[in-house]
């Protein structure tokens, strides 16, 4: 799987101002909505970021989407899109994300998929989990300060990992 079909460079954020899980999810919801609206330009009505935010919050109420080791994968299935869409947030300082290992979370990849994407949703989450379980990958992302470099790492990881 190549992430360039899931996330655009416009949906990669590096931010040191975020201090809470709620604000991180709000910012990610804003970027997911912007990406969805860009993809669905022919739609009569723009997607409201607050709807996506509420879906992400509702999912978090079922249990934290934190994987531990500073990584979280908030996600939702929704009728708001016909495409799988991702947004990524790298924080300079980690935040409390109700992580199972009690570590601060600084790498957050949010995912929004159509309601009917049951199998695809699980496959994308499994891929993202394997991506962010790679310690070298996370180290590269954490050391990158430029969103273009972060995006390059995100979309080229599969190619690099297969070559090694």
Protein backbone atom coordinates (compact mmCIF):
# COMPACT_ATOMS: atom_id res chain seq x y z
CA UNK A 1 0.00 0.00 0.00
CA UNK A 2 1.22 3.47 -0.83
CA UNK A 3 -0.01 6.24 1.40
CA UNK A 4 0.03 8.81 -1.40
CA UNK A 5 -3.45 7.60 -2.33
CA UNK A 6 -4.61 8.18 1.25
CA UNK A 7 -2.95 11.43 2.26
CA UNK A 8 -1.82 14.56 0.43
CA UNK A 9 1.02 16.82 1.44
CA UNK A 10 -1.62 19.41 2.47
CA UNK A 11 -2.81 17.05 5.21
CA UNK A 12 0.55 16.77 6.98
CA UNK A 13 0.88 19.07 9.97
CA UNK A 14 3.80 19.77 12.26
CA UNK A 15 2.69 21.76 15.28
CA UNK A 16 4.12 22.57 18.68
CA UNK A 17 1.09 24.53 19.89
CA UNK A 18 -1.25 21.58 20.50
CA UNK A 19 -1.61 20.81 24.19
CA UNK A 20 -4.59 18.41 24.33
CA UNK A 21 -6.12 15.38 22.67
CA UNK A 22 -9.28 17.37 21.94
CA UNK A 23 -7.40 20.13 20.11
CA UNK A 24 -5.35 17.56 18.16
CA UNK A 25 -8.54 15.86 17.00
CA UNK A 26 -10.08 19.23 16.08
CA UNK A 27 -7.07 20.13 13.94
CA UNK A 28 -7.03 16.71 12.27
CA UNK A 29 -10.79 16.95 11.61
CA UNK A 30 -10.24 20.34 9.94
CA UNK A 31 -7.64 18.82 7.61
CA UNK A 32 -9.74 15.73 6.89
CA UNK A 33 -12.69 17.97 5.98
CA UNK A 34 -10.51 20.16 3.75
CA UNK A 35 -9.17 17.08 1.95
CA UNK A 36 -12.64 15.59 1.57
CA UNK A 37 -13.97 18.88 0.21
CA UNK A 38 -11.04 19.11 -2.22
CA UNK A 39 -11.63 15.56 -3.48
CA UNK A 40 -15.42 16.02 -3.70
CA UNK A 41 -15.38 19.41 -5.42
CA UNK A 42 -18.58 18.56 -7.27
CA UNK A 43 -20.54 18.07 -4.03
CA UNK A 44 -23.32 20.54 -3.33
CA UNK A 45 -22.28 21.10 0.26
CA UNK A 46 -18.92 21.21 2.04
CA UNK A 47 -18.25 18.77 4.83
CA UNK A 48 -18.29 20.40 8.25
CA UNK A 49 -15.12 19.68 10.26
CA UNK A 50 -17.23 19.58 13.42
CA UNK A 51 -19.04 16.49 12.09
CA UNK A 52 -15.73 14.70 11.59
CA UNK A 53 -14.49 15.88 14.98
CA UNK A 54 -17.60 14.45 16.64
CA UNK A 55 -17.12 11.12 14.85
CA UNK A 56 -13.51 10.94 16.03
CA UNK A 57 -14.54 11.84 19.59
CA UNK A 58 -17.31 9.20 19.51
CA UNK A 59 -14.75 6.59 18.45
CA UNK A 60 -12.37 7.65 21.23
CA UNK A 61 -15.19 7.17 23.75
CA UNK A 62 -15.23 3.48 22.79
CA UNK A 63 -11.55 3.24 23.73
CA UNK A 64 -8.39 5.15 23.03
CA UNK A 65 -6.92 4.74 19.56
CA UNK A 66 -3.43 5.19 20.95
CA UNK A 67 -1.04 2.36 20.07
CA UNK A 68 1.48 3.39 22.70
CA UNK A 69 5.09 4.40 22.03
CA UNK A 70 3.90 7.92 21.21
CA UNK A 71 1.57 6.93 18.35
CA UNK A 72 -2.21 7.20 17.90
CA UNK A 73 -4.45 6.21 14.99
CA UNK A 74 -7.83 7.92 15.48
CA UNK A 75 -10.27 6.73 12.84
CA UNK A 76 -13.89 6.67 11.79
CA UNK A 77 -16.21 5.23 9.17
CA UNK A 78 -18.68 7.72 7.79
CA UNK A 79 -21.20 8.57 5.08
CA UNK A 80 -19.41 11.92 4.59
CA UNK A 81 -16.92 10.56 2.06
CA UNK A 82 -16.60 8.02 -0.73
CA UNK A 83 -12.80 7.90 -0.38
CA UNK A 84 -10.40 6.90 2.35
CA UNK A 85 -8.70 10.07 3.58
CA UNK A 86 -5.87 10.55 6.03
CA UNK A 87 -4.30 13.44 7.91
CA UNK A 88 -1.11 13.34 9.95
CA UNK A 89 -0.02 15.45 12.90
CA UNK A 90 3.52 15.51 14.33
CA UNK A 91 3.84 17.29 17.65
CA UNK A 92 7.06 18.71 19.09
CA UNK A 93 5.78 17.93 22.57
CA UNK A 94 3.65 14.89 23.22
CA UNK A 95 0.15 15.06 24.68
CA UNK A 96 -1.93 12.77 26.84
CA UNK A 97 -3.87 10.49 24.49
CA UNK A 98 -4.92 7.86 27.05
CA UNK A 99 -2.08 5.67 25.88
CA UNK A 100 -1.89 2.09 27.20
CA UNK A 101 1.78 2.64 28.13
CA UNK A 102 1.10 6.09 29.67
CA UNK A 103 3.60 7.72 27.26
CA UNK A 104 2.88 11.09 25.70
CA UNK A 105 1.66 10.90 22.08
CA UNK A 106 3.45 12.94 19.41
CA UNK A 107 2.60 11.11 16.15
CA UNK A 108 -1.09 11.02 15.20
CA UNK A 109 -2.45 9.66 11.93
CA UNK A 110 -6.20 10.23 11.56
CA UNK A 111 -8.22 8.17 9.11
CA UNK A 112 -11.69 8.68 7.68
CA UNK A 113 -13.21 6.01 5.42
CA UNK A 114 -16.63 5.47 3.82
CA UNK A 115 -19.11 3.44 5.87
CA UNK A 116 -19.01 0.53 3.42
CA UNK A 117 -15.18 0.22 3.69
CA UNK A 118 -15.31 -2.51 6.35
CA UNK A 119 -12.47 -4.71 5.05
CA UNK A 120 -10.52 -1.83 3.52
CA UNK A 121 -10.75 0.07 6.82
CA UNK A 122 -9.17 -2.83 8.70
CA UNK A 123 -6.47 -3.30 6.04
CA UNK A 124 -5.53 0.38 6.13
CA UNK A 125 -5.40 0.36 9.95
CA UNK A 126 -3.23 -2.77 9.91
CA UNK A 127 -0.86 -1.14 7.43
CA UNK A 128 -0.67 2.05 9.49
CA UNK A 129 -0.06 0.03 12.64
CA UNK A 130 2.84 -1.82 10.99
CA UNK A 131 4.21 1.46 9.66
CA UNK A 132 4.17 3.15 13.05
CA UNK A 133 5.43 0.03 14.85
CA UNK A 134 8.68 0.46 12.91
CA UNK A 135 11.04 2.21 15.35
CA UNK A 136 13.32 3.49 12.57
CA UNK A 137 10.39 5.00 10.70
CA UNK A 138 9.12 6.78 13.82
CA UNK A 139 12.65 8.03 14.55
CA UNK A 140 12.89 9.50 11.03
CA UNK A 141 9.50 11.20 11.36
CA UNK A 142 10.34 12.59 14.79
CA UNK A 143 13.64 14.02 13.57
CA UNK A 144 12.05 15.70 10.52
CA UNK A 145 11.10 19.34 11.01
CA UNK A 146 9.74 20.11 7.56
CA UNK A 147 6.26 18.89 6.51
CA UNK A 148 7.55 18.10 3.01
CA UNK A 149 10.17 15.76 4.50
CA UNK A 150 7.57 14.18 6.80
CA UNK A 151 5.25 13.62 3.83
CA UNK A 152 8.09 12.09 1.81
CA UNK A 153 8.82 9.64 4.64
CA UNK A 154 5.12 8.76 4.94
CA UNK A 155 4.59 7.97 1.26
CA UNK A 156 7.97 6.36 0.55
CA UNK A 157 8.30 4.12 3.61
CA UNK A 158 7.11 0.96 1.86
CA UNK A 159 9.63 1.39 -0.93
CA UNK A 160 12.50 1.99 1.48
CA UNK A 161 11.53 -0.82 3.82
CA UNK A 162 11.34 -3.33 0.99
CA UNK A 163 14.74 -2.28 -0.32
CA UNK A 164 16.49 -2.94 2.98
